Amino acid sequence: MTLENIKLIYFDGRSRAEVIRLMLAAADVKYEDIRYIFQRWPAEKSKMPFGQLPVLNIDGKMFGQSLAIAAYIAKEAEFYPKSNLDGLKVDQVVQLAVDFQTVAMTALFHKDEAKKSELEKELKEVEVLKYLDFFEKNVKESGTGYFVGTTLTLADYFIYDIISVTIDRGVLSTSKHPLADGLVKKVESNANVKTYLANRKKTDF
């Protein structure tokens, strides 16, 4: 593992950077966690590779796109399979998590209150169950309690993050999805992750 001299730049929240933070914590990697307040962002935006966050700074070179950063961290920290086929299995779960994240965040943070109420109802009554069924099916098919293989991978950290966010928001429960619930417990039982979660700052998003 060569994760040294790195800085993670994001806003003061979890959202698209949190799965990266979780894996860095799990791998016990020391890094600088730089968090911009929104008022600072306009002055910094043009300095970023694509005018977006998160950004990973490695020895002064900056890289963008959250999925690319997460994949890099996963590979360096050995949270990514060696087999290309197993890598495909991980990637499809990650893309599924991003689909769910998009649906959930659109509903939870919609600015129009009437539309927000409508989207939240659909999220709770339709979308949550649909995606939890997908997650449950994939873990069952692996037969190991993980999405791929017998240790935590990028897929597990991604699904853990989106499940924990929606649980915190009161729109999801894993009580009827024991394999997804077991996966959450596996991530939280990692000693380094447990320490990180115990000390994690509460944020609005």
N, C-alpha and C. Protein backbone atom coordinates (compact mmCIF):
# COMPACT_ATOMS: atom_id res chain seq x y z
N MET A 1 0.85 -1.21 0.00
CA MET A 1 0.00 0.00 0.00
C MET A 1 0.88 1.24 0.00
N THR A 2 0.59 2.16 -0.88
CA THR A 2 1.40 3.38 -1.01
C THR A 2 0.60 4.65 -0.76
N LEU A 3 -0.33 4.56 0.17
CA LEU A 3 -1.19 5.71 0.45
C LEU A 3 -0.48 6.64 1.44
N GLU A 4 0.33 7.53 0.90
CA GLU A 4 1.07 8.48 1.72
C GLU A 4 0.94 9.87 1.12
N ASN A 5 1.11 10.88 1.97
CA ASN A 5 1.09 12.28 1.52
C ASN A 5 -0.19 12.62 0.73
N ILE A 6 -1.33 12.25 1.30
CA ILE A 6 -2.59 12.52 0.60
C ILE A 6 -3.48 13.47 1.39
N LYS A 7 -4.27 14.21 0.63
CA LYS A 7 -5.25 15.11 1.20
C LYS A 7 -6.58 14.86 0.50
N LEU A 8 -7.64 14.74 1.28
CA LEU A 8 -8.99 14.59 0.72
C LEU A 8 -9.71 15.91 0.91
N ILE A 9 -10.17 16.47 -0.19
CA ILE A 9 -10.83 17.78 -0.16
C ILE A 9 -12.31 17.61 -0.48
N TYR A 10 -13.16 18.08 0.42
CA TYR A 10 -14.60 18.01 0.20
C TYR A 10 -15.26 19.08 1.05
N PHE A 11 -16.58 19.13 1.01
CA PHE A 11 -17.33 20.02 1.88
C PHE A 11 -17.41 19.42 3.28
N ASP A 12 -17.96 20.16 4.21
CA ASP A 12 -18.06 19.67 5.58
C ASP A 12 -19.31 18.80 5.73
N GLY A 13 -19.25 17.62 5.10
CA GLY A 13 -20.36 16.69 5.14
C GLY A 13 -19.89 15.31 4.70
N ARG A 14 -20.81 14.37 4.70
CA ARG A 14 -20.47 12.98 4.34
C ARG A 14 -20.63 12.77 2.83
N SER A 15 -21.83 12.62 2.38
CA SER A 15 -22.21 12.51 0.98
C SER A 15 -21.20 11.74 0.13
N ARG A 16 -20.67 12.36 -0.93
CA ARG A 16 -19.84 11.65 -1.91
C ARG A 16 -18.43 11.33 -1.42
N ALA A 17 -18.03 11.90 -0.32
CA ALA A 17 -16.67 11.65 0.19
C ALA A 17 -16.62 10.59 1.28
N GLU A 18 -17.77 10.23 1.83
CA GLU A 18 -17.73 9.43 3.04
C GLU A 18 -17.23 8.01 2.83
N VAL A 19 -17.58 7.39 1.71
CA VAL A 19 -17.07 6.03 1.47
C VAL A 19 -15.55 6.04 1.38
N ILE A 20 -14.99 7.13 0.87
CA ILE A 20 -13.53 7.27 0.80
C ILE A 20 -12.96 7.36 2.21
N ARG A 21 -13.58 8.19 3.04
CA ARG A 21 -13.14 8.33 4.43
C ARG A 21 -13.24 7.01 5.19
N LEU A 22 -14.30 6.27 4.95
CA LEU A 22 -14.49 4.98 5.62
C LEU A 22 -13.36 4.01 5.30
N MET A 23 -13.01 3.94 4.02
CA MET A 23 -11.95 3.01 3.62
C MET A 23 -10.59 3.47 4.13
N LEU A 24 -10.34 4.76 4.12
CA LEU A 24 -9.08 5.27 4.67
C LEU A 24 -8.99 4.97 6.16
N ALA A 25 -10.12 5.09 6.85
CA ALA A 25 -10.15 4.76 8.27
C ALA A 25 -9.89 3.27 8.48
N ALA A 26 -10.58 2.43 7.71
CA ALA A 26 -10.43 0.99 7.84
C ALA A 26 -9.00 0.54 7.60
N ALA A 27 -8.32 1.20 6.66
CA ALA A 27 -6.94 0.85 6.32
C ALA A 27 -5.92 1.55 7.21
N ASP A 28 -6.43 2.35 8.14
CA ASP A 28 -5.57 3.09 9.09
C ASP A 28 -4.58 3.99 8.35
N VAL A 29 -5.08 4.68 7.36
CA VAL A 29 -4.25 5.60 6.56
C VAL A 29 -4.34 7.00 7.15
N LYS A 30 -3.21 7.62 7.33
CA LYS A 30 -3.16 9.01 7.80
C LYS A 30 -3.29 9.93 6.58
N TYR A 31 -4.19 10.89 6.67
CA TYR A 31 -4.40 11.82 5.57
C TYR A 31 -4.93 13.13 6.11
N GLU A 32 -4.88 14.15 5.29
CA GLU A 32 -5.43 15.45 5.69
C GLU A 32 -6.85 15.57 5.16
N ASP A 33 -7.78 15.74 6.07
CA ASP A 33 -9.21 15.82 5.72
C ASP A 33 -9.59 17.30 5.63
N ILE A 34 -9.54 17.83 4.43
CA ILE A 34 -9.79 19.26 4.21
C ILE A 34 -11.27 19.46 3.88
N ARG A 35 -11.94 20.31 4.65
CA ARG A 35 -13.37 20.53 4.47
C ARG A 35 -13.66 22.00 4.21
N TYR A 36 -14.23 22.28 3.06
CA TYR A 36 -14.58 23.66 2.70
C TYR A 36 -15.97 24.00 3.19
N ILE A 37 -16.13 25.19 3.73
CA ILE A 37 -17.47 25.71 3.95
C ILE A 37 -17.96 26.25 2.61
N PHE A 38 -19.27 26.28 2.42
CA PHE A 38 -19.81 26.64 1.11
C PHE A 38 -19.40 28.05 0.67
N GLN A 39 -19.23 28.95 1.65
CA GLN A 39 -18.85 30.32 1.30
C GLN A 39 -17.46 30.39 0.66
N ARG A 40 -16.62 29.41 0.98
CA ARG A 40 -15.25 29.40 0.44
C ARG A 40 -15.19 28.80 -0.97
N TRP A 41 -16.17 27.97 -1.30
CA TRP A 41 -16.12 27.19 -2.52
C TRP A 41 -15.97 28.00 -3.80
N PRO A 42 -16.70 29.10 -4.00
CA PRO A 42 -16.55 29.85 -5.26
C PRO A 42 -15.10 30.26 -5.56
N ALA A 43 -14.35 30.58 -4.53
CA ALA A 43 -12.96 31.01 -4.72
C ALA A 43 -12.03 29.82 -5.02
N GLU A 44 -12.47 28.61 -4.66
CA GLU A 44 -11.62 27.43 -4.84
C GLU A 44 -11.99 26.61 -6.07
N LYS A 45 -13.20 26.81 -6.58
CA LYS A 45 -13.74 25.94 -7.63
C LYS A 45 -12.83 25.85 -8.86
N SER A 46 -12.32 26.94 -9.31
CA SER A 46 -11.50 26.94 -10.53
C SER A 46 -10.16 26.22 -10.33
N LYS A 47 -9.77 25.98 -9.10
CA LYS A 47 -8.50 25.31 -8.82
C LYS A 47 -8.64 23.79 -8.88
N MET A 48 -9.88 23.31 -8.91
CA MET A 48 -10.12 21.87 -8.90
C MET A 48 -10.09 21.31 -10.33
N PRO A 49 -9.72 20.03 -10.50
CA PRO A 49 -9.58 19.46 -11.85
C PRO A 49 -10.80 19.64 -12.74
N PHE A 50 -12.00 19.44 -12.19
CA PHE A 50 -13.21 19.54 -13.00
C PHE A 50 -14.23 20.50 -12.38
N GLY A 51 -13.75 21.37 -11.50
CA GLY A 51 -14.64 22.30 -10.83
C GLY A 51 -15.62 21.62 -9.90
N GLN A 52 -15.22 20.44 -9.36
CA GLN A 52 -16.10 19.66 -8.49
C GLN A 52 -15.32 19.13 -7.30
N LEU A 53 -16.05 18.67 -6.30
CA LEU A 53 -15.48 17.95 -5.18
C LEU A 53 -16.25 16.64 -5.02
N PRO A 54 -15.62 15.59 -4.47
CA PRO A 54 -14.32 15.58 -3.80
C PRO A 54 -13.14 15.57 -4.76
N VAL A 55 -11.99 15.91 -4.19
CA VAL A 55 -10.71 15.85 -4.90
C VAL A 55 -9.70 15.17 -3.98
N LEU A 56 -8.87 14.32 -4.58
CA LEU A 56 -7.79 13.68 -3.83
C LEU A 56 -6.47 14.29 -4.30
N ASN A 57 -5.73 14.85 -3.34
CA ASN A 57 -4.43 15.43 -3.62
C ASN A 57 -3.36 14.41 -3.20
N ILE A 58 -2.59 13.94 -4.18
CA ILE A 58 -1.52 12.98 -3.92
C ILE A 58 -0.19 13.64 -4.28
N ASP A 59 0.60 13.94 -3.27
CA ASP A 59 1.90 14.60 -3.50
C ASP A 59 1.78 15.85 -4.36
N GLY A 60 0.70 16.61 -4.16
CA GLY A 60 0.52 17.87 -4.87
C GLY A 60 -0.24 17.75 -6.18
N LYS A 61 -0.48 16.54 -6.66
CA LYS A 61 -1.25 16.32 -7.89
C LYS A 61 -2.69 16.03 -7.52
N MET A 62 -3.63 16.74 -8.14
CA MET A 62 -5.03 16.61 -7.75
C MET A 62 -5.81 15.76 -8.75
N PHE A 63 -6.68 14.92 -8.19
CA PHE A 63 -7.51 14.02 -8.99
C PHE A 63 -8.96 14.17 -8.55
N GLY A 64 -9.88 14.17 -9.53
CA GLY A 64 -11.30 14.34 -9.25
C GLY A 64 -12.11 13.09 -9.52
N GLN A 65 -13.41 13.21 -9.34
CA GLN A 65 -14.42 12.17 -9.55
C GLN A 65 -14.42 11.14 -8.41
N SER A 66 -15.49 11.16 -7.66
CA SER A 66 -15.59 10.36 -6.43
C SER A 66 -15.43 8.86 -6.67
N LEU A 67 -16.03 8.33 -7.75
CA LEU A 67 -15.92 6.90 -8.02
C LEU A 67 -14.49 6.50 -8.35
N ALA A 68 -13.82 7.35 -9.12
CA ALA A 68 -12.42 7.07 -9.48
C ALA A 68 -11.53 7.10 -8.24
N ILE A 69 -11.76 8.07 -7.38
CA ILE A 69 -10.98 8.18 -6.14
C ILE A 69 -11.24 6.97 -5.25
N ALA A 70 -12.52 6.60 -5.09
CA ALA A 70 -12.87 5.46 -4.24
C ALA A 70 -12.24 4.17 -4.77
N ALA A 71 -12.27 3.99 -6.09
CA ALA A 71 -11.67 2.79 -6.69
C ALA A 71 -10.17 2.75 -6.45
N TYR A 72 -9.51 3.90 -6.58
CA TYR A 72 -8.07 3.97 -6.33
C TYR A 72 -7.73 3.60 -4.89
N ILE A 73 -8.45 4.20 -3.95
CA ILE A 73 -8.21 3.91 -2.53
C ILE A 73 -8.46 2.43 -2.26
N ALA A 74 -9.54 1.89 -2.82
CA ALA A 74 -9.87 0.48 -2.61
C ALA A 74 -8.76 -0.44 -3.12
N LYS A 75 -8.22 -0.12 -4.28
CA LYS A 75 -7.16 -0.95 -4.84
C LYS A 75 -5.87 -0.84 -4.03
N GLU A 76 -5.53 0.36 -3.62
CA GLU A 76 -4.31 0.56 -2.82
C GLU A 76 -4.43 -0.10 -1.44
N ALA A 77 -5.63 -0.07 -0.87
CA ALA A 77 -5.85 -0.61 0.47
C ALA A 77 -6.27 -2.09 0.45
N GLU A 78 -6.29 -2.67 -0.74
CA GLU A 78 -6.67 -4.08 -0.91
C GLU A 78 -8.12 -4.35 -0.52
N PHE A 79 -8.97 -3.40 -0.86
CA PHE A 79 -10.41 -3.58 -0.74
C PHE A 79 -11.03 -3.81 -2.11
N TYR A 80 -10.23 -4.31 -3.03
CA TYR A 80 -10.69 -4.53 -4.40
C TYR A 80 -10.12 -5.87 -4.85
N PRO A 81 -10.92 -6.72 -5.52
CA PRO A 81 -10.45 -8.06 -5.89
C PRO A 81 -9.34 -8.04 -6.94
N LYS A 82 -8.57 -9.11 -6.96
CA LYS A 82 -7.53 -9.28 -7.99
C LYS A 82 -8.12 -9.78 -9.30
N SER A 83 -9.16 -10.60 -9.19
CA SER A 83 -9.80 -11.17 -10.38
C SER A 83 -10.66 -10.13 -11.09
N ASN A 84 -10.55 -10.08 -12.41
CA ASN A 84 -11.36 -9.13 -13.19
C ASN A 84 -12.85 -9.42 -13.07
N LEU A 85 -13.20 -10.70 -13.00
CA LEU A 85 -14.62 -11.05 -12.86
C LEU A 85 -15.16 -10.60 -11.51
N ASP A 86 -14.38 -10.81 -10.45
CA ASP A 86 -14.79 -10.32 -9.14
C ASP A 86 -14.83 -8.80 -9.11
N GLY A 87 -13.91 -8.17 -9.84
CA GLY A 87 -13.94 -6.72 -9.96
C GLY A 87 -15.21 -6.24 -10.62
N LEU A 88 -15.68 -6.97 -11.61
CA LEU A 88 -16.95 -6.65 -12.27
C LEU A 88 -18.11 -6.74 -11.29
N LYS A 89 -18.07 -7.77 -10.43
CA LYS A 89 -19.12 -7.93 -9.42
C LYS A 89 -19.13 -6.75 -8.45
N VAL A 90 -17.93 -6.31 -8.05
CA VAL A 90 -17.83 -5.15 -7.16
C VAL A 90 -18.36 -3.91 -7.85
N ASP A 91 -17.93 -3.69 -9.09
CA ASP A 91 -18.30 -2.47 -9.82
C ASP A 91 -19.81 -2.37 -10.04
N GLN A 92 -20.46 -3.51 -10.32
CA GLN A 92 -21.91 -3.44 -10.55
C GLN A 92 -22.64 -3.06 -9.27
N VAL A 93 -22.16 -3.54 -8.12
CA VAL A 93 -22.78 -3.17 -6.85
C VAL A 93 -22.56 -1.69 -6.56
N VAL A 94 -21.35 -1.21 -6.85
CA VAL A 94 -21.05 0.21 -6.65
C VAL A 94 -21.97 1.09 -7.50
N GLN A 95 -22.15 0.72 -8.76
CA GLN A 95 -23.03 1.49 -9.64
C GLN A 95 -24.47 1.44 -9.15
N LEU A 96 -24.88 0.29 -8.61
CA LEU A 96 -26.22 0.16 -8.05
C LEU A 96 -26.37 1.08 -6.84
N ALA A 97 -25.33 1.14 -6.01
CA ALA A 97 -25.35 2.03 -4.85
C ALA A 97 -25.47 3.48 -5.27
N VAL A 98 -24.77 3.85 -6.34
CA VAL A 98 -24.83 5.23 -6.85
C VAL A 98 -26.23 5.54 -7.36
N ASP A 99 -26.86 4.58 -8.02
CA ASP A 99 -28.24 4.77 -8.48
C ASP A 99 -29.16 5.05 -7.28
N PHE A 100 -29.02 4.25 -6.24
CA PHE A 100 -29.84 4.43 -5.04
C PHE A 100 -29.52 5.75 -4.36
N GLN A 101 -28.25 6.09 -4.30
CA GLN A 101 -27.83 7.35 -3.69
C GLN A 101 -28.46 8.54 -4.41
N THR A 102 -28.49 8.47 -5.73
CA THR A 102 -29.07 9.56 -6.52
C THR A 102 -30.56 9.72 -6.23
N VAL A 103 -31.27 8.59 -6.19
CA VAL A 103 -32.71 8.61 -5.89
C VAL A 103 -32.95 9.17 -4.48
N ALA A 104 -32.18 8.66 -3.52
CA ALA A 104 -32.37 9.06 -2.13
C ALA A 104 -32.05 10.53 -1.90
N MET A 105 -30.92 10.99 -2.43
CA MET A 105 -30.51 12.38 -2.21
C MET A 105 -31.47 13.35 -2.91
N THR A 106 -31.97 12.96 -4.08
CA THR A 106 -32.93 13.81 -4.79
C THR A 106 -34.18 14.02 -3.94
N ALA A 107 -34.63 12.94 -3.31
CA ALA A 107 -35.83 13.02 -2.47
C ALA A 107 -35.57 13.79 -1.19
N LEU A 108 -34.47 13.48 -0.52
CA LEU A 108 -34.22 14.04 0.81
C LEU A 108 -33.83 15.52 0.79
N PHE A 109 -33.26 15.97 -0.32
CA PHE A 109 -32.77 17.35 -0.36
C PHE A 109 -33.43 18.20 -1.44
N HIS A 110 -34.61 17.77 -1.92
CA HIS A 110 -35.32 18.57 -2.93
C HIS A 110 -35.77 19.90 -2.32
N LYS A 111 -35.64 20.97 -3.09
CA LYS A 111 -35.91 22.31 -2.55
C LYS A 111 -37.39 22.66 -2.54
N ASP A 112 -38.15 22.05 -3.42
CA ASP A 112 -39.59 22.29 -3.44
C ASP A 112 -40.26 21.37 -2.43
N GLU A 113 -40.87 21.93 -1.39
CA GLU A 113 -41.39 21.13 -0.29
C GLU A 113 -42.48 20.15 -0.73
N ALA A 114 -43.35 20.57 -1.63
CA ALA A 114 -44.42 19.68 -2.10
C ALA A 114 -43.84 18.50 -2.87
N LYS A 115 -42.90 18.79 -3.75
CA LYS A 115 -42.26 17.74 -4.54
C LYS A 115 -41.41 16.85 -3.63
N LYS A 116 -40.76 17.44 -2.66
CA LYS A 116 -39.94 16.69 -1.70
C LYS A 116 -40.79 15.67 -0.95
N SER A 117 -41.96 16.09 -0.51
CA SER A 117 -42.86 15.20 0.21
C SER A 117 -43.29 14.02 -0.67
N GLU A 118 -43.57 14.32 -1.93
CA GLU A 118 -43.97 13.28 -2.89
C GLU A 118 -42.83 12.29 -3.14
N LEU A 119 -41.63 12.81 -3.33
CA LEU A 119 -40.46 11.96 -3.60
C LEU A 119 -40.07 11.13 -2.38
N GLU A 120 -40.19 11.72 -1.19
CA GLU A 120 -39.87 10.98 0.03
C GLU A 120 -40.84 9.81 0.24
N LYS A 121 -42.13 10.04 -0.09
CA LYS A 121 -43.12 8.97 0.03
C LYS A 121 -42.77 7.81 -0.90
N GLU A 122 -42.40 8.13 -2.13
CA GLU A 122 -42.02 7.10 -3.10
C GLU A 122 -40.73 6.40 -2.66
N LEU A 123 -39.81 7.17 -2.09
CA LEU A 123 -38.55 6.60 -1.61
C LEU A 123 -38.82 5.56 -0.53
N LYS A 124 -39.65 5.93 0.46
CA LYS A 124 -39.92 5.03 1.58
C LYS A 124 -40.75 3.82 1.17
N GLU A 125 -41.72 4.03 0.28
CA GLU A 125 -42.68 2.97 -0.03
C GLU A 125 -42.26 2.08 -1.20
N VAL A 126 -41.40 2.60 -2.08
CA VAL A 126 -41.05 1.84 -3.29
C VAL A 126 -39.54 1.64 -3.44
N GLU A 127 -38.82 2.73 -3.52
CA GLU A 127 -37.40 2.65 -3.89
C GLU A 127 -36.54 1.93 -2.85
N VAL A 128 -36.78 2.22 -1.58
CA VAL A 128 -35.98 1.59 -0.51
C VAL A 128 -36.09 0.07 -0.58
N LEU A 129 -37.31 -0.43 -0.69
CA LEU A 129 -37.51 -1.88 -0.73
C LEU A 129 -36.92 -2.49 -1.99
N LYS A 130 -37.04 -1.78 -3.10
CA LYS A 130 -36.49 -2.28 -4.36
C LYS A 130 -34.98 -2.48 -4.25
N TYR A 131 -34.29 -1.46 -3.75
CA TYR A 131 -32.83 -1.55 -3.67
C TYR A 131 -32.37 -2.50 -2.57
N LEU A 132 -33.06 -2.53 -1.44
CA LEU A 132 -32.69 -3.48 -0.40
C LEU A 132 -32.84 -4.92 -0.89
N ASP A 133 -33.87 -5.17 -1.69
CA ASP A 133 -34.04 -6.50 -2.29
C ASP A 133 -32.86 -6.83 -3.21
N PHE A 134 -32.42 -5.85 -3.99
CA PHE A 134 -31.25 -6.05 -4.86
C PHE A 134 -30.02 -6.39 -4.03
N PHE A 135 -29.79 -5.62 -2.96
CA PHE A 135 -28.62 -5.84 -2.12
C PHE A 135 -28.68 -7.23 -1.48
N GLU A 136 -29.85 -7.56 -0.94
CA GLU A 136 -30.04 -8.84 -0.27
C GLU A 136 -29.75 -9.99 -1.23
N LYS A 137 -30.27 -9.89 -2.44
CA LYS A 137 -30.10 -10.93 -3.45
C LYS A 137 -28.62 -11.14 -3.77
N ASN A 138 -27.88 -10.05 -3.92
CA ASN A 138 -26.46 -10.14 -4.27
C ASN A 138 -25.63 -10.77 -3.16
N VAL A 139 -25.91 -10.40 -1.92
CA VAL A 139 -25.17 -10.99 -0.79
C VAL A 139 -25.52 -12.48 -0.67
N LYS A 140 -26.78 -12.81 -0.88
CA LYS A 140 -27.19 -14.22 -0.81
C LYS A 140 -26.49 -15.04 -1.87
N GLU A 141 -26.38 -14.50 -3.08
CA GLU A 141 -25.73 -15.22 -4.18
C GLU A 141 -24.24 -15.44 -3.93
N SER A 142 -23.61 -14.51 -3.21
CA SER A 142 -22.17 -14.68 -2.93
C SER A 142 -21.95 -15.82 -1.93
N GLY A 143 -22.91 -16.00 -1.02
CA GLY A 143 -22.84 -17.10 -0.06
C GLY A 143 -21.83 -16.91 1.06
N THR A 144 -21.27 -15.70 1.19
CA THR A 144 -20.22 -15.48 2.19
C THR A 144 -20.58 -14.42 3.23
N GLY A 145 -21.70 -13.74 3.01
CA GLY A 145 -22.06 -12.63 3.90
C GLY A 145 -21.50 -11.30 3.43
N TYR A 146 -20.68 -11.36 2.37
CA TYR A 146 -20.14 -10.15 1.74
C TYR A 146 -20.64 -10.12 0.29
N PHE A 147 -20.48 -8.99 -0.36
CA PHE A 147 -20.89 -8.93 -1.77
C PHE A 147 -19.99 -9.76 -2.66
N VAL A 148 -18.69 -9.73 -2.37
CA VAL A 148 -17.71 -10.47 -3.17
C VAL A 148 -16.64 -11.03 -2.23
N GLY A 149 -16.38 -12.31 -2.34
CA GLY A 149 -15.30 -12.89 -1.55
C GLY A 149 -15.63 -13.01 -0.08
N THR A 150 -14.59 -13.04 0.75
CA THR A 150 -14.77 -13.30 2.18
C THR A 150 -14.24 -12.17 3.06
N THR A 151 -13.97 -11.02 2.45
CA THR A 151 -13.54 -9.85 3.21
C THR A 151 -14.25 -8.61 2.66
N LEU A 152 -14.18 -7.53 3.42
CA LEU A 152 -14.83 -6.29 2.99
C LEU A 152 -14.15 -5.73 1.74
N THR A 153 -14.98 -5.33 0.79
CA THR A 153 -14.50 -4.69 -0.44
C THR A 153 -15.17 -3.33 -0.61
N LEU A 154 -14.77 -2.65 -1.66
CA LEU A 154 -15.37 -1.37 -2.02
C LEU A 154 -16.89 -1.47 -2.07
N ALA A 155 -17.42 -2.58 -2.59
CA ALA A 155 -18.87 -2.76 -2.69
C ALA A 155 -19.53 -2.71 -1.31
N ASP A 156 -18.92 -3.40 -0.35
CA ASP A 156 -19.49 -3.43 1.00
C ASP A 156 -19.48 -2.04 1.64
N TYR A 157 -18.37 -1.32 1.48
CA TYR A 157 -18.29 0.02 2.06
C TYR A 157 -19.29 0.98 1.40
N PHE A 158 -19.48 0.85 0.10
CA PHE A 158 -20.44 1.72 -0.60
C PHE A 158 -21.85 1.48 -0.11
N ILE A 159 -22.23 0.20 -0.04
CA ILE A 159 -23.59 -0.12 0.39
C ILE A 159 -23.79 0.25 1.86
N TYR A 160 -22.78 0.00 2.67
CA TYR A 160 -22.88 0.40 4.08
C TYR A 160 -23.16 1.89 4.19
N ASP A 161 -22.42 2.69 3.43
CA ASP A 161 -22.57 4.13 3.54
C ASP A 161 -23.98 4.59 3.17
N ILE A 162 -24.50 4.12 2.05
CA ILE A 162 -25.82 4.59 1.63
C ILE A 162 -26.91 4.05 2.56
N ILE A 163 -26.75 2.83 3.06
CA ILE A 163 -27.73 2.29 4.01
C ILE A 163 -27.70 3.09 5.31
N SER A 164 -26.52 3.36 5.82
CA SER A 164 -26.42 4.07 7.10
C SER A 164 -26.96 5.50 6.99
N VAL A 165 -26.73 6.14 5.86
CA VAL A 165 -27.27 7.49 5.65
C VAL A 165 -28.79 7.48 5.67
N THR A 166 -29.38 6.54 4.96
CA THR A 166 -30.85 6.51 4.89
C THR A 166 -31.47 6.01 6.20
N ILE A 167 -30.76 5.18 6.95
CA ILE A 167 -31.23 4.82 8.29
C ILE A 167 -31.23 6.06 9.18
N ASP A 168 -30.14 6.82 9.11
CA ASP A 168 -30.04 8.05 9.92
C ASP A 168 -31.16 9.03 9.58
N ARG A 169 -31.59 9.03 8.33
CA ARG A 169 -32.66 9.94 7.89
C ARG A 169 -34.05 9.39 8.17
N GLY A 170 -34.13 8.20 8.71
CA GLY A 170 -35.41 7.63 9.09
C GLY A 170 -36.25 7.11 7.95
N VAL A 171 -35.61 6.78 6.82
CA VAL A 171 -36.40 6.30 5.68
C VAL A 171 -36.11 4.85 5.34
N LEU A 172 -35.23 4.20 6.09
CA LEU A 172 -34.87 2.83 5.76
C LEU A 172 -34.64 2.03 7.03
N SER A 173 -35.02 0.75 6.98
CA SER A 173 -34.73 -0.19 8.05
C SER A 173 -34.29 -1.50 7.41
N THR A 174 -33.29 -2.15 7.99
CA THR A 174 -32.83 -3.43 7.47
C THR A 174 -33.44 -4.62 8.22
N SER A 175 -34.46 -4.35 9.02
CA SER A 175 -35.04 -5.39 9.87
C SER A 175 -35.58 -6.57 9.07
N LYS A 176 -36.04 -6.34 7.85
CA LYS A 176 -36.57 -7.43 7.02
C LYS A 176 -35.57 -7.90 5.97
N HIS A 177 -34.34 -7.41 6.08
CA HIS A 177 -33.29 -7.80 5.14
C HIS A 177 -32.05 -8.20 5.95
N PRO A 178 -32.06 -9.42 6.48
CA PRO A 178 -31.01 -9.85 7.43
C PRO A 178 -29.60 -9.85 6.86
N LEU A 179 -29.45 -10.14 5.58
CA LEU A 179 -28.11 -10.17 4.99
C LEU A 179 -27.54 -8.76 4.86
N ALA A 180 -28.40 -7.81 4.47
CA ALA A 180 -27.97 -6.42 4.41
C ALA A 180 -27.65 -5.91 5.81
N ASP A 181 -28.47 -6.32 6.77
CA ASP A 181 -28.23 -5.93 8.16
C ASP A 181 -26.91 -6.52 8.66
N GLY A 182 -26.65 -7.76 8.30
CA GLY A 182 -25.40 -8.40 8.69
C GLY A 182 -24.20 -7.71 8.09
N LEU A 183 -24.35 -7.23 6.86
CA LEU A 183 -23.26 -6.52 6.20
C LEU A 183 -22.95 -5.21 6.92
N VAL A 184 -23.99 -4.50 7.32
CA VAL A 184 -23.81 -3.27 8.10
C VAL A 184 -23.00 -3.56 9.36
N LYS A 185 -23.36 -4.62 10.04
CA LYS A 185 -22.67 -4.99 11.28
C LYS A 185 -21.21 -5.38 11.01
N LYS A 186 -20.95 -6.03 9.88
CA LYS A 186 -19.58 -6.41 9.54
C LYS A 186 -18.70 -5.18 9.37
N VAL A 187 -19.21 -4.18 8.67
CA VAL A 187 -18.44 -2.94 8.47
C VAL A 187 -18.20 -2.27 9.81
N GLU A 188 -19.24 -2.15 10.60
CA GLU A 188 -19.13 -1.44 11.89
C GLU A 188 -18.29 -2.20 12.92
N SER A 189 -18.08 -3.49 12.70
CA SER A 189 -17.27 -4.27 13.64
C SER A 189 -15.78 -4.14 13.37
N ASN A 190 -15.41 -3.57 12.21
CA ASN A 190 -14.00 -3.31 11.95
C ASN A 190 -13.49 -2.31 13.00
N ALA A 191 -12.42 -2.66 13.69
CA ALA A 191 -11.95 -1.85 14.82
C ALA A 191 -11.65 -0.41 14.43
N ASN A 192 -11.00 -0.22 13.29
CA ASN A 192 -10.66 1.14 12.85
C ASN A 192 -11.89 1.93 12.45
N VAL A 193 -12.84 1.26 11.79
CA VAL A 193 -14.09 1.92 11.40
C VAL A 193 -14.89 2.29 12.65
N LYS A 194 -14.91 1.38 13.62
CA LYS A 194 -15.64 1.64 14.86
C LYS A 194 -15.11 2.90 15.55
N THR A 195 -13.78 3.04 15.59
CA THR A 195 -13.17 4.23 16.19
C THR A 195 -13.54 5.48 15.40
N TYR A 196 -13.48 5.36 14.07
CA TYR A 196 -13.81 6.49 13.21
C TYR A 196 -15.26 6.94 13.43
N LEU A 197 -16.17 5.99 13.45
CA LEU A 197 -17.59 6.32 13.61
C LEU A 197 -17.87 6.94 14.97
N ALA A 198 -17.17 6.46 15.99
CA ALA A 198 -17.37 6.99 17.34
C ALA A 198 -16.95 8.46 17.44
N ASN A 199 -16.01 8.85 16.60
CA ASN A 199 -15.49 10.21 16.66
C ASN A 199 -15.93 11.09 15.47
N ARG A 200 -16.79 10.52 14.60
CA ARG A 200 -17.19 11.26 13.40
C ARG A 200 -18.04 12.48 13.76
N LYS A 201 -17.71 13.56 13.14
CA LYS A 201 -18.44 14.81 13.35
C LYS A 201 -19.84 14.70 12.75
N LYS A 202 -20.84 15.21 13.47
CA LYS A 202 -22.20 15.24 12.93
C LYS A 202 -22.32 16.40 11.95
N THR A 203 -22.86 16.11 10.77
CA THR A 203 -23.00 17.14 9.75
C THR A 203 -24.42 17.12 9.19
N ASP A 204 -24.75 18.13 8.41
CA ASP A 204 -26.10 18.26 7.88
C ASP A 204 -26.37 17.34 6.69
N PHE A 205 -25.32 16.87 6.04
CA PHE A 205 -25.53 16.02 4.86
C PHE A 205 -24.42 14.99 4.75
